Every structure is written in structure tokens, then in C-alpha cells.
Protein backbone atom coordinates (compact mmCIF):
# COMPACT_ATOMS: atom_id res chain seq x y z
CA MET A 1 0.00 0.00 0.00
CA GLN A 2 1.19 3.50 -0.72
CA LYS A 3 2.43 5.20 2.43
CA LEU A 4 0.12 7.58 4.21
CA LEU A 5 3.14 9.70 5.01
CA VAL A 6 6.58 9.06 3.59
CA ILE A 7 8.95 7.84 6.30
CA LYS A 8 12.28 6.06 6.25
CA LYS A 9 12.33 2.71 7.99
CA PRO A 10 15.51 2.04 9.98
CA LYS A 11 17.89 -0.56 8.57
CA HIS A 12 19.40 -1.39 11.98
CA LYS A 13 17.83 -3.46 14.73
CA LEU A 14 15.61 -1.47 17.03
CA ASN A 15 16.83 -1.32 20.63
CA LEU A 16 14.79 -1.98 23.75
CA SER A 17 14.15 1.61 24.77
CA PRO A 18 13.55 3.90 21.81
CA ARG A 19 11.87 7.24 22.35
CA LEU A 20 8.19 7.64 21.74
CA PRO A 21 7.17 9.78 18.73
CA HIS A 22 7.24 13.50 19.45
CA ILE A 23 3.79 15.09 19.43
CA SER A 24 3.90 18.84 18.93
CA ILE A 25 1.29 20.93 20.77
CA THR A 26 0.85 24.67 20.45
CA VAL A 27 -0.69 26.46 23.43
CA THR A 28 -2.74 28.82 21.29
CA GLY A 29 -4.24 26.12 19.11
CA ASP A 30 -3.98 22.43 19.88
CA LEU A 31 -4.04 22.71 23.65
CA ILE A 32 -7.07 25.01 23.83
CA SER A 33 -8.91 22.88 21.29
CA ALA A 34 -8.14 19.68 23.21
CA VAL A 35 -9.21 21.19 26.55
CA ILE A 36 -12.52 22.42 25.09
CA PHE A 37 -13.20 19.02 23.57
CA ILE A 38 -12.35 17.09 26.76
CA VAL A 39 -14.58 19.35 28.85
CA LEU A 40 -17.40 18.96 26.32
CA CYS A 41 -17.03 15.15 26.39
CA ALA A 42 -16.97 15.02 30.18
CA CYS A 43 -20.08 17.19 30.53
CA LEU A 44 -22.13 15.36 27.91
CA LEU A 45 -21.16 11.84 28.97
CA VAL A 46 -21.43 12.20 32.74
CA TRP A 47 -24.15 14.80 33.41
CA ARG A 48 -27.24 13.19 35.00
CA LEU A 49 -25.82 9.76 34.25
CA ASN A 50 -27.83 8.02 36.98
CA SER A 51 -31.02 10.08 36.73
CA GLN A 52 -31.65 10.56 33.03
CA THR A 53 -34.91 8.59 32.96
CA SER A 54 -37.63 7.76 35.47
CA GLY A 55 -36.30 4.19 35.71
CA LEU A 56 -32.66 3.45 36.38
CA PHE A 57 -31.96 0.52 34.04
CA SER A 58 -33.10 -0.26 30.50
CA ARG A 59 -34.00 -3.74 29.29
CA THR A 60 -30.69 -3.92 27.42
CA GLU A 61 -28.84 -3.09 30.62
CA VAL A 62 -30.74 -5.74 32.56
CA THR A 63 -29.97 -8.32 29.87
CA THR A 64 -26.30 -7.35 29.88
CA TRP A 65 -26.20 -7.70 33.67
CA GLN A 66 -27.89 -11.11 33.52
CA ASN A 67 -25.37 -12.29 30.92
CA LEU A 68 -22.59 -11.13 33.21
CA SER A 69 -23.91 -13.21 36.11
CA LEU A 70 -24.35 -16.26 33.87
CA TYR A 71 -20.71 -16.18 32.76
CA GLY A 72 -19.51 -17.13 36.23
CA PRO A 73 -16.24 -15.91 37.84
CA TRP A 74 -14.76 -12.66 36.60
CA TRP A 75 -11.92 -14.35 34.73
CA ARG A 76 -14.36 -16.25 32.51
CA ASN A 77 -15.88 -13.05 31.13
CA LEU A 78 -12.89 -12.43 28.89
CA SER A 79 -13.45 -15.58 26.84
CA TYR A 80 -16.89 -14.51 25.57
CA LEU A 81 -17.83 -12.14 22.75
CA ASN A 82 -17.20 -8.55 23.89
CA GLY A 83 -15.10 -10.15 26.61
CA PRO A 84 -12.93 -7.12 27.48
CA TYR A 85 -16.07 -5.03 28.01
CA TYR A 86 -17.68 -7.66 30.24
CA LEU A 87 -14.46 -8.05 32.21
CA LEU A 88 -14.30 -4.32 32.98
CA LEU A 89 -18.00 -4.30 33.81
CA HIS A 90 -17.49 -7.17 36.24
CA LEU A 91 -14.56 -5.43 37.93
CA PHE A 92 -16.52 -2.19 38.32
CA SER A 93 -19.49 -4.10 39.70
CA LEU A 94 -17.26 -5.34 42.54
CA LEU A 95 -16.83 -1.72 43.62
CA SER A 96 -20.47 -0.73 43.34
CA GLN A 97 -23.64 -1.80 41.55
CA THR A 98 -25.21 1.62 41.15
CA ALA A 99 -26.33 2.86 37.75
CA PHE A 100 -23.54 5.45 37.72
CA SER A 101 -20.69 3.02 38.42
CA LEU A 102 -21.90 0.36 35.98
CA ARG A 103 -22.44 2.87 33.18
CA LEU A 104 -19.02 4.36 33.81
CA VAL A 105 -17.43 1.49 31.86
CA THR A 106 -19.39 2.44 28.75
CA VAL A 107 -18.77 6.14 29.36
CA MET A 108 -15.01 5.61 29.47
CA THR A 109 -15.13 3.50 26.31
CA GLY A 110 -17.21 6.15 24.55
CA ALA A 111 -14.74 8.82 25.68
CA LEU A 112 -11.86 6.81 24.19
CA VAL A 113 -13.80 6.57 20.91
CA ALA A 114 -14.37 10.34 20.89
CA VAL A 115 -10.74 11.14 21.71
CA GLY A 116 -9.53 8.72 19.04
CA VAL A 117 -11.76 10.36 16.43
CA TYR A 118 -10.60 13.82 17.54
CA TRP A 119 -6.92 12.85 17.33
CA LEU A 120 -7.22 11.31 13.88
CA ILE A 121 -9.14 14.30 12.47
CA ARG A 122 -6.49 16.58 13.99
CA GLU A 123 -3.79 14.59 12.21
CA LEU A 124 -5.65 14.81 8.91
CA HIS A 125 -7.14 18.32 9.01
CA GLY A 126 -5.78 20.30 11.97
CA TRP A 127 -7.13 21.25 15.37
CA ARG A 128 -9.88 23.63 14.21
CA ILE A 129 -11.58 21.01 12.04
CA ALA A 130 -10.95 18.36 14.71
CA LEU A 131 -12.87 20.33 17.31
CA LEU A 132 -15.81 20.97 14.98
CA ALA A 133 -16.08 17.52 13.39
CA SER A 134 -15.58 15.51 16.59
CA SER A 135 -18.23 17.69 18.25
CA ILE A 136 -20.68 16.27 15.71
CA LEU A 137 -19.96 12.85 17.19
CA VAL A 138 -20.15 13.65 20.92
CA THR A 139 -23.33 15.72 20.59
CA ASN A 140 -25.10 13.10 18.46
CA TYR A 141 -28.07 11.73 20.35
CA GLY A 142 -27.45 8.18 19.12
CA PHE A 143 -23.86 8.22 20.34
CA LEU A 144 -24.91 9.66 23.70
CA ALA A 145 -27.65 7.04 24.09
CA ILE A 146 -25.29 4.13 23.51
CA ALA A 147 -22.31 5.65 25.39
CA ARG A 148 -24.31 6.36 28.55
CA GLN A 149 -25.82 2.89 29.05
CA VAL A 150 -24.55 -0.52 30.09
CA ASN A 151 -24.40 -1.79 26.53
CA PRO A 152 -21.71 -3.98 24.91
CA GLN A 153 -22.48 -2.40 21.51
CA ILE A 154 -20.08 0.40 22.45
CA ALA A 155 -17.31 -2.15 21.81
CA GLN A 156 -18.24 -2.07 18.11
CA LEU A 157 -17.59 1.67 17.93
CA MET A 158 -14.33 1.16 19.79
CA ALA A 159 -13.18 -1.62 17.45
CA VAL A 160 -13.92 0.37 14.28
CA THR A 161 -12.15 3.48 15.59
CA ALA A 162 -9.18 1.57 17.00
CA ASP A 163 -8.54 -0.41 13.82
CA VAL A 164 -8.46 2.73 11.68
CA LEU A 165 -6.12 4.37 14.19
CA ALA A 166 -3.91 1.28 14.22
CA VAL A 167 -3.46 1.42 10.45
CA TYR A 168 -2.71 5.14 10.54
CA ILE A 169 -0.22 4.82 13.40
CA ILE A 170 1.77 1.95 11.92
CA ASN A 171 1.96 3.87 8.62
CA THR A 172 3.16 7.12 10.17
CA TRP A 173 5.09 6.38 13.38
CA ASP A 174 8.60 4.99 12.99
CA ASN A 175 8.86 3.18 16.31
CA TYR A 176 8.67 -0.34 17.67
CA TRP A 177 5.81 0.69 19.96
CA THR A 178 3.63 0.80 16.87
CA LEU A 179 3.87 -2.98 16.51
CA PHE A 180 2.71 -3.53 20.09
CA ILE A 181 -0.12 -1.01 19.66
CA PHE A 182 -1.16 -2.55 16.36
CA PHE A 183 -1.20 -6.18 17.48
CA ALA A 184 -2.91 -5.32 20.79
CA ILE A 185 -5.69 -3.51 18.92
CA ILE A 186 -6.07 -6.30 16.38
CA GLY A 187 -6.20 -8.91 19.15
CA LEU A 188 -8.84 -7.06 21.15
CA SER A 189 -10.93 -6.32 18.05
CA ILE A 190 -11.59 -9.99 17.38
CA TYR A 191 -13.66 -10.15 20.58
CA VAL A 192 -16.32 -8.00 18.88
CA PRO A 193 -18.88 -9.85 16.72
CA GLY A 194 -17.74 -9.32 13.15
CA GLY A 195 -14.55 -7.66 14.38
CA ILE A 196 -12.42 -10.36 12.79
CA TRP A 197 -13.08 -8.77 9.39
CA LEU A 198 -12.06 -5.34 10.66
CA SER A 199 -8.83 -6.89 11.92
CA VAL A 200 -8.21 -8.63 8.60
CA ALA A 201 -8.78 -5.37 6.71
CA ALA A 202 -6.39 -3.49 9.02
CA THR A 203 -3.74 -6.19 8.60
CA LEU A 204 -4.03 -6.17 4.80
CA PHE A 205 -3.74 -2.38 4.73
CA SER A 206 -0.61 -2.52 6.88
CA PHE A 207 0.97 -5.76 5.67
CA LYS A 208 4.04 -4.15 4.07
CA ASP A 209 4.64 -1.91 7.09
CA ILE A 210 4.28 -4.84 9.50
CA ARG A 211 6.77 -6.89 7.48
CA ASP A 212 9.29 -4.05 7.29
CA SER A 213 8.98 -3.31 10.99
CA LEU A 214 9.40 -6.97 11.96
CA GLU A 215 12.50 -7.27 9.79
CA SER A 216 14.11 -4.36 11.65
CA THR A 217 13.02 -5.50 15.13
CA ALA A 218 15.33 -7.31 17.53
CA ILE A 219 14.53 -10.93 18.37
CA LYS A 220 13.72 -10.09 22.01
CA LEU A 221 11.09 -7.64 20.91
CA LYS A 222 9.63 -10.15 18.48
CA ILE A 223 9.26 -12.72 21.24
CA ALA A 224 7.60 -10.14 23.50
CA LEU A 225 5.29 -9.11 20.64
CA TYR A 226 4.21 -12.66 19.81
CA GLY A 227 3.76 -13.44 23.50
CA LEU A 228 1.52 -10.41 24.02
CA THR A 229 -0.60 -11.30 20.98
CA ALA A 230 -0.99 -14.92 22.10
CA LEU A 231 -1.94 -13.80 25.60
CA ILE A 232 -4.64 -11.45 24.27
CA ILE A 233 -6.30 -13.93 21.91
CA ALA A 234 -5.89 -17.06 24.05
CA PRO A 235 -9.20 -16.78 25.98
CA ILE A 236 -11.48 -16.36 22.99
CA GLY A 237 -9.35 -18.73 20.93
CA TYR A 238 -9.89 -21.47 23.51
CA ARG A 239 -13.63 -20.88 23.62
CA LEU A 240 -13.98 -20.73 19.83
CA ILE A 241 -12.19 -24.06 19.46
CA PHE A 242 -13.65 -26.03 22.35
CA ARG A 243 -16.81 -24.38 23.68
CA TYR A 244 -18.68 -22.31 21.09
CA THR A 245 -21.74 -23.70 19.32
CA ASN A 246 -22.27 -23.23 15.59
CA HIS A 247 -24.66 -20.34 16.25
CA GLN A 248 -22.13 -18.55 18.46
CA LEU A 249 -19.40 -19.11 15.90
CA LEU A 250 -21.56 -17.58 13.17
CA THR A 251 -22.29 -14.62 15.44
CA TRP A 252 -18.55 -14.15 16.01
CA LEU A 253 -18.04 -14.14 12.23
CA GLY A 254 -20.69 -11.43 11.95
CA TYR A 255 -23.58 -13.55 10.75
CA GLY A 256 -26.66 -12.37 12.62
CA LEU A 257 -29.48 -13.03 10.19
CA SER A 258 -32.57 -14.74 11.50
CA GLY A 259 -33.10 -17.07 8.56
CA ARG A 260 -30.49 -18.55 6.24
CA LEU A 261 -32.89 -19.04 3.34
CA ASN A 262 -33.66 -15.31 3.28
CA ALA A 263 -30.05 -14.24 3.75
CA LEU A 264 -29.72 -12.24 0.55
CA LYS A 265 -33.09 -10.57 1.03
CA ASN A 266 -32.33 -9.60 4.62
CA PHE A 267 -28.83 -8.51 3.72
CA GLY A 268 -30.04 -5.98 1.16
CA PHE A 269 -32.81 -4.82 3.48
CA ASN A 270 -30.37 -4.27 6.35
CA LEU A 271 -28.01 -2.30 4.11
CA ALA A 272 -30.83 0.00 3.05
CA LYS A 273 -32.13 0.23 6.63
CA THR A 274 -28.73 1.40 7.87
CA ILE A 275 -28.71 4.30 5.41
CA VAL A 276 -32.29 5.22 6.24
CA ASP A 277 -31.69 5.01 10.00
CA LEU A 278 -28.65 7.27 9.79
CA PHE A 279 -29.83 9.94 7.40
CA ALA A 280 -33.58 9.90 6.89
CA TYR A 281 -36.07 8.03 9.07
CA GLY A 282 -35.37 5.71 12.00
CA THR A 283 -37.09 2.42 11.24
CA LYS A 284 -36.36 -0.45 13.62
CA LEU A 285 -33.62 0.88 15.87
CA PRO A 286 -33.54 -0.53 19.45
CA SER A 287 -36.40 1.04 21.38
CA ASP A 288 -34.19 1.95 24.35
CA LEU A 289 -31.59 3.69 22.18
CA ALA A 290 -33.47 5.64 19.54
CA ILE A 291 -36.53 7.81 19.13
CA LYS A 292 -38.97 6.22 16.72
CA HIS A 293 -38.93 7.67 13.20
CA LEU A 294 -36.08 10.10 13.98
CA PRO A 295 -32.79 9.78 12.03
CA ILE A 296 -29.61 9.34 14.03
CA LEU A 297 -27.87 12.26 12.30
CA SER A 298 -29.14 15.82 12.11
CA PHE A 299 -29.74 17.54 8.78
CA ALA A 300 -26.66 19.77 9.06
CA ALA A 301 -24.44 16.82 10.02
CA THR A 302 -25.86 14.80 7.12
CA VAL A 303 -25.00 17.50 4.58
CA ILE A 304 -21.45 17.91 5.91
CA ILE A 305 -20.87 14.15 5.96
CA LEU A 306 -22.21 13.66 2.43
CA ILE A 307 -19.84 16.36 1.17
CA GLY A 308 -16.98 14.49 2.83
CA LEU A 309 -18.04 11.17 1.31
CA LEU A 310 -18.28 12.71 -2.16
CA SER A 311 -14.81 14.15 -1.63
CA TYR A 312 -13.50 10.65 -0.85
CA LEU A 313 -14.97 9.29 -4.08
CA THR A 314 -12.94 11.76 -6.12
CA ARG A 315 -9.68 11.06 -4.25
CA LEU A 316 -9.56 7.30 -3.71
CA SER A 317 -6.01 7.23 -5.09
CA ASN A 318 -4.91 8.95 -1.88
CA PRO A 319 -4.24 6.21 0.72
CA LYS A 320 -5.57 8.34 3.61
CA TRP A 321 -9.00 8.74 2.06
CA ARG A 322 -8.99 5.19 0.70
CA LEU A 323 -8.42 3.90 4.24
CA ILE A 324 -11.45 5.73 5.63
CA SER A 325 -13.59 4.82 2.61
CA VAL A 326 -12.80 1.11 2.80
CA PHE A 327 -13.64 0.94 6.51
CA ILE A 328 -16.90 2.82 5.97
CA VAL A 329 -17.94 0.37 3.25
CA LEU A 330 -16.77 -2.65 5.27
CA THR A 331 -18.66 -1.56 8.40
CA TRP A 332 -21.74 -0.85 6.30
CA LEU A 333 -21.56 -4.34 4.76
CA LEU A 334 -21.17 -5.89 8.21
CA SER A 335 -24.27 -4.00 9.33
CA GLY A 336 -26.08 -5.78 6.50
CA LEU A 337 -25.29 -9.08 8.21
CA GLY A 338 -27.24 -7.94 11.24
CA VAL A 339 -24.57 -7.96 13.97
CA ILE A 340 -22.83 -4.61 13.71
CA THR A 341 -25.37 -1.82 14.15
CA SER A 342 -25.79 1.53 12.43
CA TYR A 343 -24.15 3.22 15.41
CA ALA A 344 -20.79 1.65 14.54
CA LEU A 345 -20.59 3.95 11.51
CA LEU A 346 -20.78 7.14 13.60
CA PRO A 347 -17.01 7.46 14.32
CA LEU A 348 -16.13 6.95 10.66
CA LEU A 349 -18.82 9.34 9.47
CA SER A 350 -17.50 11.95 11.91
CA ILE A 351 -14.09 11.64 10.27
CA ALA A 352 -15.83 12.11 6.91
CA ALA A 353 -17.48 15.21 8.39
CA GLY A 354 -14.00 16.60 9.04
CA THR A 355 -13.18 16.13 5.37
CA GLY A 356 -16.46 17.76 4.39
CA LEU A 357 -15.79 20.80 6.57
CA THR A 358 -12.27 21.09 5.15
CA TYR A 359 -13.58 20.92 1.59
CA VAL A 360 -16.24 23.61 2.17
CA LEU A 361 -13.78 25.95 3.87
CA LYS A 362 -11.19 25.42 1.14
CA GLN A 363 -13.72 26.37 -1.51
CA TRP A 364 -14.57 29.49 0.50
CA TYR A 365 -10.90 30.41 0.96
CA ASP A 366 -10.27 29.99 -2.77
CA VAL A 367 -12.94 32.60 -3.44
CA PHE A 368 -11.38 35.03 -0.90
CA PRO A 369 -7.65 34.22 -1.00
CA LYS A 370 -6.46 37.57 0.43
CA ASN A 371 -9.42 38.96 2.36
CA PRO A 372 -8.90 38.06 6.05
CA PHE A 373 -12.33 39.36 7.08
CA ALA A 374 -14.10 37.15 4.55
CA ARG A 375 -11.97 34.15 5.48
CA TYR A 376 -12.73 34.49 9.20
CA PHE A 377 -16.38 35.11 8.42
CA GLY A 378 -16.54 31.77 6.59
CA LEU A 379 -14.90 29.96 9.50
CA ILE A 380 -17.21 31.62 12.05
CA LEU A 381 -20.28 30.84 9.94
CA MET A 382 -19.31 27.17 9.68
CA THR A 383 -18.59 27.08 13.42
CA LEU A 384 -22.04 28.49 14.19
CA VAL A 385 -23.67 25.86 11.97
CA VAL A 386 -21.89 23.07 13.87
CA VAL A 387 -22.56 24.65 17.28
CA PHE A 388 -26.28 25.11 16.73
CA SER A 389 -26.61 21.68 15.11
CA GLY A 390 -24.76 20.11 18.05
CA PHE A 391 -26.87 22.00 20.57
CA PHE A 392 -30.13 20.74 19.11
CA ALA A 393 -28.70 17.21 18.70
CA ALA A 394 -27.68 17.11 22.38
CA ARG A 395 -31.03 18.59 23.39
CA THR A 396 -32.72 15.81 21.43
CA TYR A 397 -31.07 13.33 23.76
CA PHE A 398 -31.34 15.11 27.10
CA VAL A 399 -34.90 16.38 26.61
CA VAL A 400 -36.74 14.54 23.83
CA TRP A 401 -35.15 11.09 24.23
CA ALA A 402 -35.40 11.10 28.03
CA ASN A 403 -39.14 11.88 27.94
CA ASP A 404 -40.17 9.72 24.99
CA PRO A 405 -42.86 7.25 26.17
CA THR A 406 -41.41 4.40 24.12
CA ILE A 407 -37.99 4.99 25.67
CA THR A 408 -39.16 5.30 29.27
CA ALA A 409 -41.31 2.17 28.94
CA ASN A 410 -38.10 0.17 28.56
CA TYR A 411 -36.70 1.28 31.90
CA THR A 412 -37.07 -0.27 35.33
CA ASN A 413 -35.71 0.43 38.80
CA ARG A 414 -34.46 -3.14 39.30
CA LEU A 415 -31.53 -5.04 37.81
């Protein structure tokens, strides 16, 4: 694969203690942007976490808790699908079994997704676009609904985001840490239903870089790398080989259709339903996550994202945009198999929103190449569009979603 950024791979063996890549931060730009985004994430993800609805726990949360108790001792949780999530949930439950403490696992995972999206957009488009585009994600009512509940589906968003980041990092960082980061992410991703295909795609994208890095890595580091990978995949590997039924194996592969004879029919229907759910008219989204007949994305976010997607279509020869495009298509296809949900596309579509914002602003700047007032006016106007869109999207969750009769009917005060 063509390099995302041109770097020179070392010809000598890497030692045991190389320096981590230098990350430049400017106080006037990057730091302020990052602080604003972190504060925004913290406020939206934690505010009224244990009192959002009249009942404390949704049906999905009760089911997740029941599955946790059925798995037995805490160390067995890791060998199931979404094992790392269940393991963290079990550990947090030992401290407290309140709604706040149990949901904190999902909140932290959602925060990692948001920060990962922010960092990648910053790498691609700069801190201004990163703050605006990642705000589209964290204010989205669908993202807030899934990131503020005890719900293993958040692992799907984490897997998609982490795999894209893994490919980008191993293509741009010249350091042996990248191998450990890459293989750790790939190993953890296979715990997500359908995540094996995300891991395969990430490996194919990075095959040449993995091979070059392994050739220049000392034998001690290779042993440590292989040992770490084996340790991560051993629990689910054991269960897949000796304990899983055919149905569970198909679910792990991403096959979640109800009837095999209607597979093609359901596949096409699910693909269309994902597009409709995201952009037009919520159809059959989970009743405790979505407002009936309301699209996941706002109108302004939809327009910005579509501009970004059209921009990708015209620049597929660029490996950066090809990477995002392939993962969007792959995740969309996996949603057609009925295991990965429409929500898993939100991180990738937020990255596309960053490209859309960049494209619109570039067109504006080309019209006013030397007029600073006009240039700042365009940036302020685009910022206001994102701010107002994000405000109404967040309000949809905290006001409309929390008081929707269909939503509240799925909540109870007992686990």
C-alpha cells in the first residue's frame, strides 16, 4: 500500500528503549482545542448519568447484567464475545452496583472513541476542524444514548475506531511501539462480533509496514510481541475451538441473520435500513436507544458528511482517504449481516465530516484568497452551523429522548 506519510524505515535493529514519537502541541491552538473538547465530552457523557430517565436501568442493561452473572467468575468473562467489556464491567461491579458506576465502563469506552476520532481528524485536518467535526460525534443523540448505558455495543464503535487508528499509526510512526499497539488492537478487536473482518482489513492495509517493521526488530522484541498477541487472543481462541456452538461461531463471524434461506433478502434490506436510519427516518432501531422515526444524524451533520463522502470518491487514489472509505464500506456491509449496528458507523462518518468541513472551507478560501475578514467570516459561519446543530442534537437526547414514552417504557428500577 502507498504510504500515508513518507517515512524512512531504519535498517538497523531497534533497541529496547527507543523514544516515543514526538507530538507537537501549540498552546494557542492544539491545547485550547483539546481542553474544550475534553470538557465537552466530560459534561455530555457524565451529566445526570444516573437520573436521566424515570427508571434506572433499561432492558438492554438488565440483559447485559444477567449475561454477566451467567458467565460465572470474573476471569471467565474475557473468553466470551465482547469479553474485554464484560471483564471491565465485572470489575466495576465489585466496587459498586449503582447505575452510575456500571455505566461508567461504557462512558469511558465512549470517551476513548471520541478522543480517538478527535486525534485522527487533527492529524488529517488540523485542530480547528478536529474540534468541529468531533463535536458532531459527541453531541449526536445516538452516540450519547449508547455511550451512557450498560451496553456492549459500544465495543463495536471502539473496534472500528481503534482499527483505523492502528493502520494510521503503523503507517506514520517509525517506532517499535507501533507494533505492540497494532497487534494489541487487532487482538482485542476480534472479541467484537464481526470484528475479525475489521482486523483482517487493518492487517491487509498494513501488511508491508508490519513486514518491514518486523525485519528491523530485535529478536527479544519479536518474542515479546508474539507473546503479548498470544496472551490477548488465548481466551477467545480457547472458547472458539472447544466451547462455542455453531450459532455462536456464526455470530462471532458477523452472521446475525434470523433465517439462512432469506439471507440475501435480509442482507439488502439491512443495508438500506442502515442508510435510512442514519440519514432519513429511524425504522427499527432498538427502542431503548433511539426515538422512533427520527434519524440518528441531524440535517446539518448529514450535509457535511455527504460532502466528505463525495470528496472521498474523487480522491480514492490517496491512501488516507482510501483507508477511511474502505472501513466505511466494510462496516456498512457488516451491518447488513445484522450484527454490527448503524451506530458503529458514527465514528467513521465523523471523520468524513472533518473532510467535508475542510472541503467547504477550502472552496470558501479559494474565493477570498487575500481577504482576512471574509476568510474568518466563513470559519465563524461554519462554526455556528456546527454549534447550533450540536446544541439541538444534544437537546434531542437530554430532553426529547429522556421523555419519549417508548424509551421510558423500557426502563425499570431493578436489575
